[in-house]
Amino acid sequence: MSKVCNLCGKKPVSGNNVSHSKRRTKRRFSPNLISKKFGGIKMQICTACLRTLKKPERIKDKGLSAKTEETKVEKAEEKKEV
């Protein structure tokens, strides 16, 4: 199983372990992935994406539901009238 986030594409990066004597050895920093089901599809997403999906205002900004777009247009029209 690959260590890549299905939503943002975050993947492992390489770096160095640095000891007290400043010796450097290669290491790999992997993203914090968890398995989650969305609509019956099992996905591996990073915890940062999971936090973003839990925030209701983020979902509205992405335009994931049609109702939010309608309310934005209605609010904009009300502001223009006032």
C-alpha atoms as a PDB file:
ATOM      1  CA  MET A   1       0.000   0.000   0.000  1.00  0.00           C
ATOM      2  CA  SER A   2       1.451   3.353  -1.002  1.00  0.00           C
ATOM      3  CA  LYS A   3       1.921   6.134   1.514  1.00  0.00           C
ATOM      4  CA  VAL A   4       0.199   8.862  -0.511  1.00  0.00           C
ATOM      5  CA  CYS A   5      -2.846  10.903   0.508  1.00  0.00           C
ATOM      6  CA  ASN A   6      -5.734  10.358  -1.927  1.00  0.00           C
ATOM      7  CA  LEU A   7      -7.021  13.934  -1.554  1.00  0.00           C
ATOM      8  CA  CYS A   8      -4.006  16.255  -1.482  1.00  0.00           C
ATOM      9  CA  GLY A   9      -1.283  13.973  -2.860  1.00  0.00           C
ATOM     10  CA  LYS A  10       1.012  14.394   0.133  1.00  0.00           C
ATOM     11  CA  LYS A  11       3.772  11.771  -0.023  1.00  0.00           C
ATOM     12  CA  PRO A  12       6.916  10.819   1.916  1.00  0.00           C
ATOM     13  CA  VAL A  13       9.942  13.116   1.786  1.00  0.00           C
ATOM     14  CA  SER A  14      13.550  12.348   2.633  1.00  0.00           C
ATOM     15  CA  GLY A  15      15.734  14.049   5.190  1.00  0.00           C
ATOM     16  CA  ASN A  16      18.447  13.429   7.739  1.00  0.00           C
ATOM     17  CA  ASN A  17      18.642  12.114  11.283  1.00  0.00           C
ATOM     18  CA  VAL A  18      21.162  14.306  13.093  1.00  0.00           C
ATOM     19  CA  SER A  19      22.858  12.854  16.140  1.00  0.00           C
ATOM     20  CA  HIS A  20      24.407  14.794  19.008  1.00  0.00           C
ATOM     21  CA  SER A  21      27.798  14.539  17.272  1.00  0.00           C
ATOM     22  CA  LYS A  22      26.166  15.994  14.107  1.00  0.00           C
ATOM     23  CA  ARG A  23      26.485  12.759  12.080  1.00  0.00           C
ATOM     24  CA  ARG A  24      23.827  12.621   9.413  1.00  0.00           C
ATOM     25  CA  THR A  25      22.026   9.481   8.283  1.00  0.00           C
ATOM     26  CA  LYS A  26      19.239   9.379   5.735  1.00  0.00           C
ATOM     27  CA  ARG A  27      15.653   8.900   6.875  1.00  0.00           C
ATOM     28  CA  ARG A  28      12.168   9.117   5.469  1.00  0.00           C
ATOM     29  CA  PHE A  29       9.370  11.379   6.762  1.00  0.00           C
ATOM     30  CA  SER A  30       6.040   9.762   5.911  1.00  0.00           C
ATOM     31  CA  PRO A  31       2.673  11.563   6.127  1.00  0.00           C
ATOM     32  CA  ASN A  32       0.242  10.725   8.915  1.00  0.00           C
ATOM     33  CA  LEU A  33      -2.277   8.639   6.953  1.00  0.00           C
ATOM     34  CA  ILE A  34      -5.468   6.981   8.157  1.00  0.00           C
ATOM     35  CA  SER A  35      -7.980   4.789   6.338  1.00  0.00           C
ATOM     36  CA  LYS A  36     -11.457   6.288   6.043  1.00  0.00           C
ATOM     37  CA  LYS A  37     -14.594   5.264   4.145  1.00  0.00           C
ATOM     38  CA  PHE A  38     -16.391   7.909   2.086  1.00  0.00           C
ATOM     39  CA  GLY A  39     -19.562   6.686   0.408  1.00  0.00           C
ATOM     40  CA  GLY A  40     -18.447   3.071   0.504  1.00  0.00           C
ATOM     41  CA  ILE A  41     -15.013   3.831  -0.967  1.00  0.00           C
ATOM     42  CA  LYS A  42     -12.040   3.198   1.293  1.00  0.00           C
ATOM     43  CA  MET A  43      -9.464   5.981   1.031  1.00  0.00           C
ATOM     44  CA  GLN A  44      -6.181   6.805   2.719  1.00  0.00           C
ATOM     45  CA  ILE A  45      -6.162  10.461   3.725  1.00  0.00           C
ATOM     46  CA  CYS A  46      -3.788  12.510   5.847  1.00  0.00           C
ATOM     47  CA  THR A  47      -4.965  13.936   9.139  1.00  0.00           C
ATOM     48  CA  ALA A  48      -4.694  17.496   7.804  1.00  0.00           C
ATOM     49  CA  CYS A  49      -7.255  16.672   5.085  1.00  0.00           C
ATOM     50  CA  LEU A  50      -9.467  14.977   7.658  1.00  0.00           C
ATOM     51  CA  ARG A  51      -9.463  18.146   9.774  1.00  0.00           C
ATOM     52  CA  THR A  52     -10.326  20.216   6.726  1.00  0.00           C
ATOM     53  CA  LEU A  53     -13.236  17.951   5.829  1.00  0.00           C
ATOM     54  CA  LYS A  54     -14.654  18.203   9.366  1.00  0.00           C
ATOM     55  CA  LYS A  55     -14.885  22.012   9.176  1.00  0.00           C
ATOM     56  CA  PRO A  56     -18.267  23.036   7.731  1.00  0.00           C
ATOM     57  CA  GLU A  57     -17.042  26.368   6.355  1.00  0.00           C
ATOM     58  CA  ARG A  58     -14.312  24.585   4.370  1.00  0.00           C
ATOM     59  CA  ILE A  59     -16.900  22.377   2.700  1.00  0.00           C
ATOM     60  CA  LYS A  60     -18.943  25.449   1.784  1.00  0.00           C
ATOM     61  CA  ASP A  61     -15.882  27.160   0.274  1.00  0.00           C
ATOM     62  CA  LYS A  62     -15.155  24.123  -1.889  1.00  0.00           C
ATOM     63  CA  GLY A  63     -18.724  24.238  -3.232  1.00  0.00           C
ATOM     64  CA  LEU A  64     -19.454  20.639  -2.382  1.00  0.00           C
ATOM     65  CA  SER A  65     -23.172  21.194  -1.905  1.00  0.00           C
ATOM     66  CA  ALA A  66     -25.595  23.073  -4.141  1.00  0.00           C
ATOM     67  CA  LYS A  67     -27.498  24.581  -1.201  1.00  0.00           C
ATOM     68  CA  THR A  68     -24.475  26.562  -0.038  1.00  0.00           C
ATOM     69  CA  GLU A  69     -24.051  28.167  -3.466  1.00  0.00           C
ATOM     70  CA  GLU A  70     -27.694  29.256  -3.504  1.00  0.00           C
ATOM     71  CA  THR A  71     -27.453  30.801  -0.055  1.00  0.00           C
ATOM     72  CA  LYS A  72     -24.287  32.686  -1.019  1.00  0.00           C
ATOM     73  CA  VAL A  73     -26.043  34.220  -4.028  1.00  0.00           C
ATOM     74  CA  GLU A  74     -29.098  35.123  -1.939  1.00  0.00           C
ATOM     75  CA  LYS A  75     -26.965  36.763   0.760  1.00  0.00           C
ATOM     76  CA  ALA A  76     -25.069  38.765  -1.848  1.00  0.00           C
ATOM     77  CA  GLU A  77     -28.324  40.011  -3.370  1.00  0.00           C
ATOM     78  CA  GLU A  78     -29.645  41.025   0.045  1.00  0.00           C
ATOM     79  CA  LYS A  79     -26.497  43.055   0.724  1.00  0.00           C
ATOM     80  CA  LYS A  80     -26.880  44.862  -2.590  1.00  0.00           C
ATOM     81  CA  GLU A  81     -30.479  45.793  -1.780  1.00  0.00           C
ATOM     82  CA  VAL A  82     -29.587  47.284   1.585  1.00  0.00           C
END
